[in-house]
Every structure is written in C-alpha cells, then in structure tokens.
C-alpha cells in the first residue's frame, strides 16, 4: 500500500507527465473526511483553505494563476471550505473573481469576517454593514455560508448585525474568531452566552492552550471549530528542519510534516475543519492528504506532542 507521500508524488508525477496542469488534481484518490457542523448536522470537509499568509501576498500581485490552480484543485479534491476576510489585503476580492471565473462559487463553503475600526469606543454600525455588503459583492452570491466577527471586535454591534442577517436568510452560519491568548477569556464568555455556530481559533501541536477550556466548551455548546495556523505560520516547519517524519506517523497515515501537523489538530474531536493558507498547488494537495485516512487517537496525539516538545524551539 502506498503511503501518503508516495501517493502524492505519484499523483504529481502522473499529472506532469500527461501535461494536465491543474487537472492533476482530478487523479482518483481516497475520499476526504467530513465532519458535521453541530448546530445543523451539515457535513463539511475537514480540510479547507485559508487566504492570509502566502495567499494574501500572491493576491496582491498581478499574476494570480497559482491561486486559480489552488482553488481549482481544492474543489476538485473535495476541500470546499474557503476562509477569508476583508482585512486580508486583496484575498477576498481576488478569490471571489477566480471562483466566479472557474464556476465554483456555489461549490465553495465561503467563510469571511467582519471587523470595522472602532470609533469613540465602538464600531460604526453603518460601516460594519457596508463592509459586509462589500463581502457579498466580492463573493458574488446571494447567500454567504459563514461570517464571523473577527478578533471579537465590538460584539454587541457586529454580532448583532450578523444575527439580523442570519434571521433574514442572507447568512447561513455566524461565529466569532480570536487568535490571541489575551482574548481567550472573553471568547469563552461569548461562547457561553451567544448562539454561535462557529468559532475560529489558532491551534497547533506546539500551541495547545485551546485544549484546556475552549475546545471542551465548544463540544458542550455544540459549536463548530475552524482552526487557523496549524503550522504556527512557518514556525513548526522551522522547528523540525530537515528531519524525516517519524516512521510511526504511518500508523495514522501521515506521510509529510504538513500532514503530521494537521492530523494532530484533526485528532481532537471538537475540531470541525482546518484551514491552512497556501498559494501552491502541491501544498494544497499535501494538506488535503491530512484529511484522508486515519486520524491519530489520544495516545498518538500525546506521542506527537511529546516529540515536537522535545525539539528545540524555532528561532
């Protein structure tokens, strides 16, 4: 049986040999796992695509062919969750245009955010509504799957607007995000008191603080969890350096470091979807591979964390 790395190399090699370009993504492979959104039971793929980091950098340039290929590949392989934000430079605008050009807008689970600059101690409701309408324009559809309040910005105003739009049927799901440990206490308060469908948080094998209270609370409150930064941006890759992936990672079908890192996160039962950002097709395929095959169990996750903790910190 091919391991994940061998399968990836074979897929890439066959596609290149046949001159298929982005169509290499259509090579047959095992299915991508899905998990339910707790508030409705709707199944979504466990791997998605974020649009910060390198995606954002490429989107700001003139040649966005690489991003077109990444979006084409992710949908062809069943990874339909796309996470963006108005604050991610040109990412939302460019991705919306590319999705429309590719004819995949309706196939994507489109997740964006709202967070306008506060004035006089609070967000301007008119500015927040205008930002949301601009996101609708960029998306090009009548309904957006998910909009979250970015970094817990002025919750009474901005979450209140999202509730209205969900009630009106323009937004299917609402939530809040935070990637700041200093906001975790406030995040827990909001999770416990508001009718959220999603939260978005940072989580990685070397960044496990959300395991203490936030992830258990998400399970208790039946809130879906979207994970950002499963690689700690590039921190984890720097930490492992040129070391080979441990042989025992084959026990949970991880054939690359990217898959190792993502599978650790997916091994937690509260996690619904992981959205690493990339602007390269080969990395998109590799990331999707983490959502195929066996996830690590609790014992394997403990071993993974111990292994990473034993390595020198990056930098």
Protein backbone atom coordinates (compact mmCIF):
# COMPACT_ATOMS: atom_id res chain seq x y z
CA UNK A 1 0.00 0.00 0.00
CA UNK A 2 1.26 3.47 -0.88
CA UNK A 3 1.85 5.82 1.98
CA UNK A 4 0.63 9.41 1.69
CA UNK A 5 3.96 10.80 0.48
CA UNK A 6 4.28 8.14 -2.21
CA UNK A 7 0.71 8.72 -3.32
CA UNK A 8 1.30 12.48 -3.55
CA UNK A 9 4.48 12.03 -5.57
CA UNK A 10 2.78 9.55 -7.88
CA UNK A 11 -0.18 11.89 -8.42
CA UNK A 12 2.03 14.87 -9.16
CA UNK A 13 4.32 12.86 -11.41
CA UNK A 14 1.50 11.37 -13.44
CA UNK A 15 -0.15 14.73 -13.90
CA UNK A 16 3.06 16.36 -15.08
CA UNK A 17 3.83 13.50 -17.44
CA UNK A 18 0.43 13.81 -19.09
CA UNK A 19 0.67 17.59 -19.31
CA UNK A 20 -2.57 18.12 -17.45
CA UNK A 21 -1.59 21.22 -15.48
CA UNK A 22 -4.12 21.89 -12.76
CA UNK A 23 -6.12 18.86 -13.90
CA UNK A 24 -3.62 16.73 -11.98
CA UNK A 25 -5.94 17.33 -9.06
CA UNK A 26 -8.51 15.07 -10.66
CA UNK A 27 -6.42 11.92 -10.26
CA UNK A 28 -8.50 9.40 -8.33
CA UNK A 29 -7.73 9.14 -4.64
CA UNK A 30 -9.36 8.10 -1.39
CA UNK A 31 -12.11 10.31 -0.02
CA UNK A 32 -11.66 13.37 2.12
CA UNK A 33 -13.21 13.05 5.57
CA UNK A 34 -16.12 15.26 6.58
CA UNK A 35 -17.47 16.31 9.95
CA UNK A 36 -20.82 17.78 10.99
CA UNK A 37 -21.49 21.39 11.90
CA UNK A 38 -23.03 20.73 15.34
CA UNK A 39 -25.81 23.31 15.09
CA UNK A 40 -27.33 21.71 11.98
CA UNK A 41 -25.60 18.40 11.27
CA UNK A 42 -24.46 19.61 7.83
CA UNK A 43 -21.29 17.78 6.82
CA UNK A 44 -18.29 19.78 5.62
CA UNK A 45 -14.78 18.62 4.60
CA UNK A 46 -12.20 18.63 7.40
CA UNK A 47 -9.61 20.43 5.25
CA UNK A 48 -10.10 23.87 3.77
CA UNK A 49 -8.02 26.79 2.55
CA UNK A 50 -7.10 30.00 4.34
CA UNK A 51 -6.26 33.18 2.46
CA UNK A 52 -3.86 35.02 4.71
CA UNK A 53 -0.06 34.49 4.57
CA UNK A 54 1.25 33.48 1.12
CA UNK A 55 -2.22 33.51 -0.49
CA UNK A 56 -2.57 37.14 0.53
CA UNK A 57 0.88 38.01 -0.83
CA UNK A 58 0.20 36.46 -4.24
CA UNK A 59 -3.27 38.02 -4.43
CA UNK A 60 -1.68 41.45 -4.18
CA UNK A 61 0.38 40.80 -7.33
CA UNK A 62 -0.58 40.83 -10.99
CA UNK A 63 -0.18 37.10 -11.69
CA UNK A 64 -2.77 35.11 -9.76
CA UNK A 65 -2.59 31.96 -11.89
CA UNK A 66 -1.21 30.00 -8.94
CA UNK A 67 -4.23 30.92 -6.83
CA UNK A 68 -6.58 29.89 -9.62
CA UNK A 69 -4.90 26.49 -9.66
CA UNK A 70 -5.09 26.15 -5.88
CA UNK A 71 -8.83 26.90 -5.84
CA UNK A 72 -9.43 24.57 -8.78
CA UNK A 73 -7.54 21.77 -7.06
CA UNK A 74 -9.17 22.18 -3.68
CA UNK A 75 -12.67 21.91 -5.11
CA UNK A 76 -11.74 19.02 -7.40
CA UNK A 77 -10.46 17.14 -4.36
CA UNK A 78 -13.49 17.97 -2.25
CA UNK A 79 -11.92 20.57 0.09
CA UNK A 80 -14.60 23.22 -0.30
CA UNK A 81 -14.19 25.42 2.81
CA UNK A 82 -12.56 28.74 1.94
CA UNK A 83 -11.77 31.20 4.74
CA UNK A 84 -11.06 34.86 4.06
CA UNK A 85 -11.58 38.36 5.47
CA UNK A 86 -11.79 41.94 4.19
CA UNK A 87 -8.60 42.66 6.13
CA UNK A 88 -6.59 40.06 4.17
CA UNK A 89 -5.49 42.53 1.53
CA UNK A 90 -6.74 41.54 -1.94
CA UNK A 91 -7.51 37.95 -0.93
CA UNK A 92 -11.29 38.22 -0.71
CA UNK A 93 -11.62 40.23 -3.91
CA UNK A 94 -9.28 38.05 -5.97
CA UNK A 95 -10.66 34.76 -4.67
CA UNK A 96 -14.21 35.87 -5.43
CA UNK A 97 -13.30 36.71 -9.04
CA UNK A 98 -11.37 33.47 -9.53
CA UNK A 99 -14.21 31.38 -8.10
CA UNK A 100 -16.65 33.03 -10.50
CA UNK A 101 -14.29 32.50 -13.45
CA UNK A 102 -13.88 28.82 -12.53
CA UNK A 103 -17.61 28.40 -12.00
CA UNK A 104 -17.12 27.09 -8.47
CA UNK A 105 -18.72 29.83 -6.37
CA UNK A 106 -21.71 27.65 -5.48
CA UNK A 107 -19.43 24.73 -4.65
CA UNK A 108 -17.43 26.61 -2.03
CA UNK A 109 -18.32 26.90 1.63
CA UNK A 110 -17.46 30.60 1.80
CA UNK A 111 -16.38 31.91 5.20
CA UNK A 112 -15.49 35.55 5.73
CA UNK A 113 -15.40 38.04 8.60
CA UNK A 114 -16.41 41.50 9.73
CA UNK A 115 -14.47 43.92 11.92
CA UNK A 116 -14.53 47.63 11.23
CA UNK A 117 -12.31 50.09 13.05
CA UNK A 118 -13.83 51.24 16.31
CA UNK A 119 -14.67 54.92 16.68
CA UNK A 120 -15.40 56.52 20.03
CA UNK A 121 -15.20 53.17 21.80
CA UNK A 122 -17.32 51.16 19.39
CA UNK A 123 -17.77 50.03 15.81
CA UNK A 124 -19.84 52.16 13.46
CA UNK A 125 -22.89 50.04 12.56
CA UNK A 126 -23.16 51.64 9.13
CA UNK A 127 -19.51 50.89 8.40
CA UNK A 128 -19.94 47.29 9.55
CA UNK A 129 -22.96 46.82 7.30
CA UNK A 130 -21.09 48.40 4.39
CA UNK A 131 -18.16 46.04 4.90
CA UNK A 132 -20.48 43.05 4.91
CA UNK A 133 -22.21 44.23 1.72
CA UNK A 134 -18.81 44.57 0.07
CA UNK A 135 -18.06 40.97 1.04
CA UNK A 136 -21.33 39.93 -0.62
CA UNK A 137 -20.31 41.81 -3.77
CA UNK A 138 -16.92 40.12 -3.84
CA UNK A 139 -18.44 36.70 -3.26
CA UNK A 140 -20.99 37.18 -5.99
CA UNK A 141 -23.76 35.13 -4.37
CA UNK A 142 -26.99 35.99 -2.61
CA UNK A 143 -26.07 33.99 0.49
CA UNK A 144 -22.76 33.61 2.35
CA UNK A 145 -22.20 30.42 4.29
CA UNK A 146 -20.39 31.89 7.28
CA UNK A 147 -19.48 35.34 8.57
CA UNK A 148 -17.62 35.68 11.85
CA UNK A 149 -16.76 38.68 13.99
CA UNK A 150 -13.01 38.99 13.53
CA UNK A 151 -10.99 39.09 16.76
CA UNK A 152 -14.10 39.68 18.90
CA UNK A 153 -14.44 43.23 17.61
CA UNK A 154 -17.32 45.17 19.23
CA UNK A 155 -19.52 42.15 19.80
CA UNK A 156 -22.82 43.93 20.63
CA UNK A 157 -22.80 45.85 17.35
CA UNK A 158 -21.19 43.42 14.93
CA UNK A 159 -22.57 40.13 16.22
CA UNK A 160 -25.94 41.82 16.47
CA UNK A 161 -25.81 42.65 12.76
CA UNK A 162 -24.82 39.09 11.90
CA UNK A 163 -27.77 37.76 13.89
CA UNK A 164 -30.10 40.01 11.89
CA UNK A 165 -28.65 38.84 8.57
CA UNK A 166 -28.87 35.20 9.60
CA UNK A 167 -32.51 35.69 10.59
CA UNK A 168 -33.10 37.26 7.16
CA UNK A 169 -31.54 34.23 5.46
CA UNK A 170 -28.58 36.07 3.95
CA UNK A 171 -26.01 34.32 6.17
CA UNK A 172 -26.28 30.62 6.92
CA UNK A 173 -23.94 30.49 9.93
CA UNK A 174 -22.42 33.06 12.29
CA UNK A 175 -19.47 32.99 14.66
CA UNK A 176 -16.52 34.78 16.23
CA UNK A 177 -12.76 34.42 15.95
CA UNK A 178 -9.68 35.04 18.04
CA UNK A 179 -6.03 34.13 17.62
CA UNK A 180 -4.92 36.00 20.74
CA UNK A 181 -4.49 34.23 24.06
CA UNK A 182 -5.28 37.51 25.77
CA UNK A 183 -8.81 37.27 24.36
CA UNK A 184 -9.50 33.66 25.32
CA UNK A 185 -11.40 34.56 28.50
CA UNK A 186 -13.67 36.89 26.51
CA UNK A 187 -14.05 34.21 23.83
CA UNK A 188 -15.24 31.74 26.45
CA UNK A 189 -17.75 34.27 27.78
CA UNK A 190 -19.17 34.82 24.31
CA UNK A 191 -19.29 31.10 23.60
CA UNK A 192 -21.23 30.51 26.79
CA UNK A 193 -23.75 33.32 26.23
CA UNK A 194 -24.32 33.69 22.49
CA UNK A 195 -25.96 31.39 19.88
CA UNK A 196 -22.83 30.75 17.82
CA UNK A 197 -22.50 28.24 15.01
CA UNK A 198 -18.71 28.57 14.71
CA UNK A 199 -15.60 29.82 16.40
CA UNK A 200 -12.24 30.32 14.69
CA UNK A 201 -9.08 29.85 16.78
CA UNK A 202 -5.35 29.25 16.46
CA UNK A 203 -4.32 25.70 17.33
CA UNK A 204 -1.21 23.65 16.63
CA UNK A 205 0.76 20.77 18.11
CA UNK A 206 3.04 23.30 19.86
CA UNK A 207 0.21 25.74 20.64
CA UNK A 208 -2.28 23.76 22.68
CA UNK A 209 -3.83 26.32 25.03
CA UNK A 210 -7.30 25.97 23.48
CA UNK A 211 -7.37 22.34 24.61
CA UNK A 212 -7.80 23.43 28.24
CA UNK A 213 -11.21 25.08 28.15
CA UNK A 214 -12.15 26.43 24.70
CA UNK A 215 -12.37 23.14 22.80
CA UNK A 216 -14.25 21.36 25.61
CA UNK A 217 -16.67 24.29 25.78
CA UNK A 218 -17.19 24.13 22.01
CA UNK A 219 -18.23 20.49 22.34
CA UNK A 220 -20.51 21.28 25.25
CA UNK A 221 -22.16 24.20 23.45
CA UNK A 222 -22.27 22.36 20.09
CA UNK A 223 -20.18 24.98 18.30
CA UNK A 224 -18.14 24.11 15.21
CA UNK A 225 -14.42 24.86 15.43
CA UNK A 226 -12.45 26.25 12.49
CA UNK A 227 -8.71 26.05 13.12
CA UNK A 228 -6.22 28.62 11.89
CA UNK A 229 -2.40 28.46 11.90
CA UNK A 230 -1.94 24.67 12.26
CA UNK A 231 1.70 25.18 11.23
CA UNK A 232 2.21 28.15 13.55
CA UNK A 233 2.66 30.06 10.30
CA UNK A 234 6.09 28.58 9.42
CA UNK A 235 7.25 28.00 13.00
CA UNK A 236 6.70 24.23 13.06
CA UNK A 237 8.46 23.63 9.75
CA UNK A 238 11.44 25.58 11.05
CA UNK A 239 11.39 23.53 14.23
CA UNK A 240 11.52 20.13 12.53
CA UNK A 241 14.03 21.33 9.92
CA UNK A 242 15.19 18.58 7.59
CA UNK A 243 14.31 15.75 9.97
CA UNK A 244 12.32 12.93 8.39
CA UNK A 245 8.77 12.33 9.51
CA UNK A 246 8.87 9.60 12.22
CA UNK A 247 8.13 6.12 10.90
CA UNK A 248 5.37 5.70 13.49
CA UNK A 249 3.43 8.52 11.77
CA UNK A 250 2.38 5.88 9.24
CA UNK A 251 0.10 4.49 11.96
CA UNK A 252 -2.21 7.45 11.29
CA UNK A 253 -1.40 7.86 7.58
CA UNK A 254 0.79 10.97 7.81
CA UNK A 255 3.38 10.99 5.02
CA UNK A 256 4.65 14.58 5.34
CA UNK A 257 5.24 17.12 8.07
CA UNK A 258 2.26 19.17 6.90
CA UNK A 259 0.04 16.13 7.32
CA UNK A 260 1.60 15.35 10.71
CA UNK A 261 0.81 18.86 11.97
CA UNK A 262 -2.71 18.99 10.55
CA UNK A 263 -3.58 15.48 11.74
CA UNK A 264 -2.63 16.40 15.30
CA UNK A 265 -5.25 19.15 15.19
CA UNK A 266 -7.84 16.97 13.46
CA UNK A 267 -7.32 14.32 16.12
CA UNK A 268 -9.21 16.48 18.61
CA UNK A 269 -12.92 15.60 18.48
CA UNK A 270 -14.03 19.24 18.84
CA UNK A 271 -12.30 20.34 15.62
CA UNK A 272 -14.54 20.61 12.57
CA UNK A 273 -12.25 21.98 9.85
CA UNK A 274 -8.64 23.14 9.49
CA UNK A 275 -7.83 25.96 7.04
CA UNK A 276 -4.08 26.30 6.38
CA UNK A 277 -3.21 29.01 3.89
CA UNK A 278 -1.18 28.27 0.78
CA UNK A 279 -0.59 29.66 -2.69
CA UNK A 280 0.92 26.47 -4.13
CA UNK A 281 -0.99 23.60 -5.70
CA UNK A 282 1.40 20.93 -4.41
CA UNK A 283 0.92 22.17 -0.86
CA UNK A 284 -2.85 22.21 -1.27
CA UNK A 285 -2.75 18.55 -2.33
CA UNK A 286 -0.44 17.69 0.55
CA UNK A 287 -2.71 19.46 3.04
CA UNK A 288 -5.77 17.65 1.71
CA UNK A 289 -3.91 14.40 2.29
CA UNK A 290 -4.11 15.10 6.02
CA UNK A 291 -7.88 14.68 5.81
CA UNK A 292 -7.60 11.25 4.26
CA UNK A 293 -7.07 8.04 6.18
CA UNK A 294 -6.87 7.53 9.92
CA UNK A 295 -6.69 10.43 12.38
CA UNK A 296 -4.43 9.92 15.39
CA UNK A 297 -6.06 8.69 18.59
CA UNK A 298 -5.42 10.22 22.02
CA UNK A 299 -2.31 8.12 22.63
CA UNK A 300 -0.84 9.01 19.25
CA UNK A 301 -1.56 12.71 19.79
CA UNK A 302 0.23 12.58 23.13
CA UNK A 303 3.23 11.00 21.43
CA UNK A 304 3.15 13.65 18.68
CA UNK A 305 3.11 16.49 21.19
CA UNK A 306 5.93 14.96 23.21
CA UNK A 307 8.01 14.54 20.06
CA UNK A 308 7.60 18.15 19.00
CA UNK A 309 8.14 19.43 22.54
CA UNK A 310 11.47 17.55 22.63
CA UNK A 311 12.80 19.59 19.69
CA UNK A 312 14.48 22.98 20.08
CA UNK A 313 12.11 25.90 19.58
CA UNK A 314 12.33 27.67 16.22
CA UNK A 315 14.49 30.77 16.23
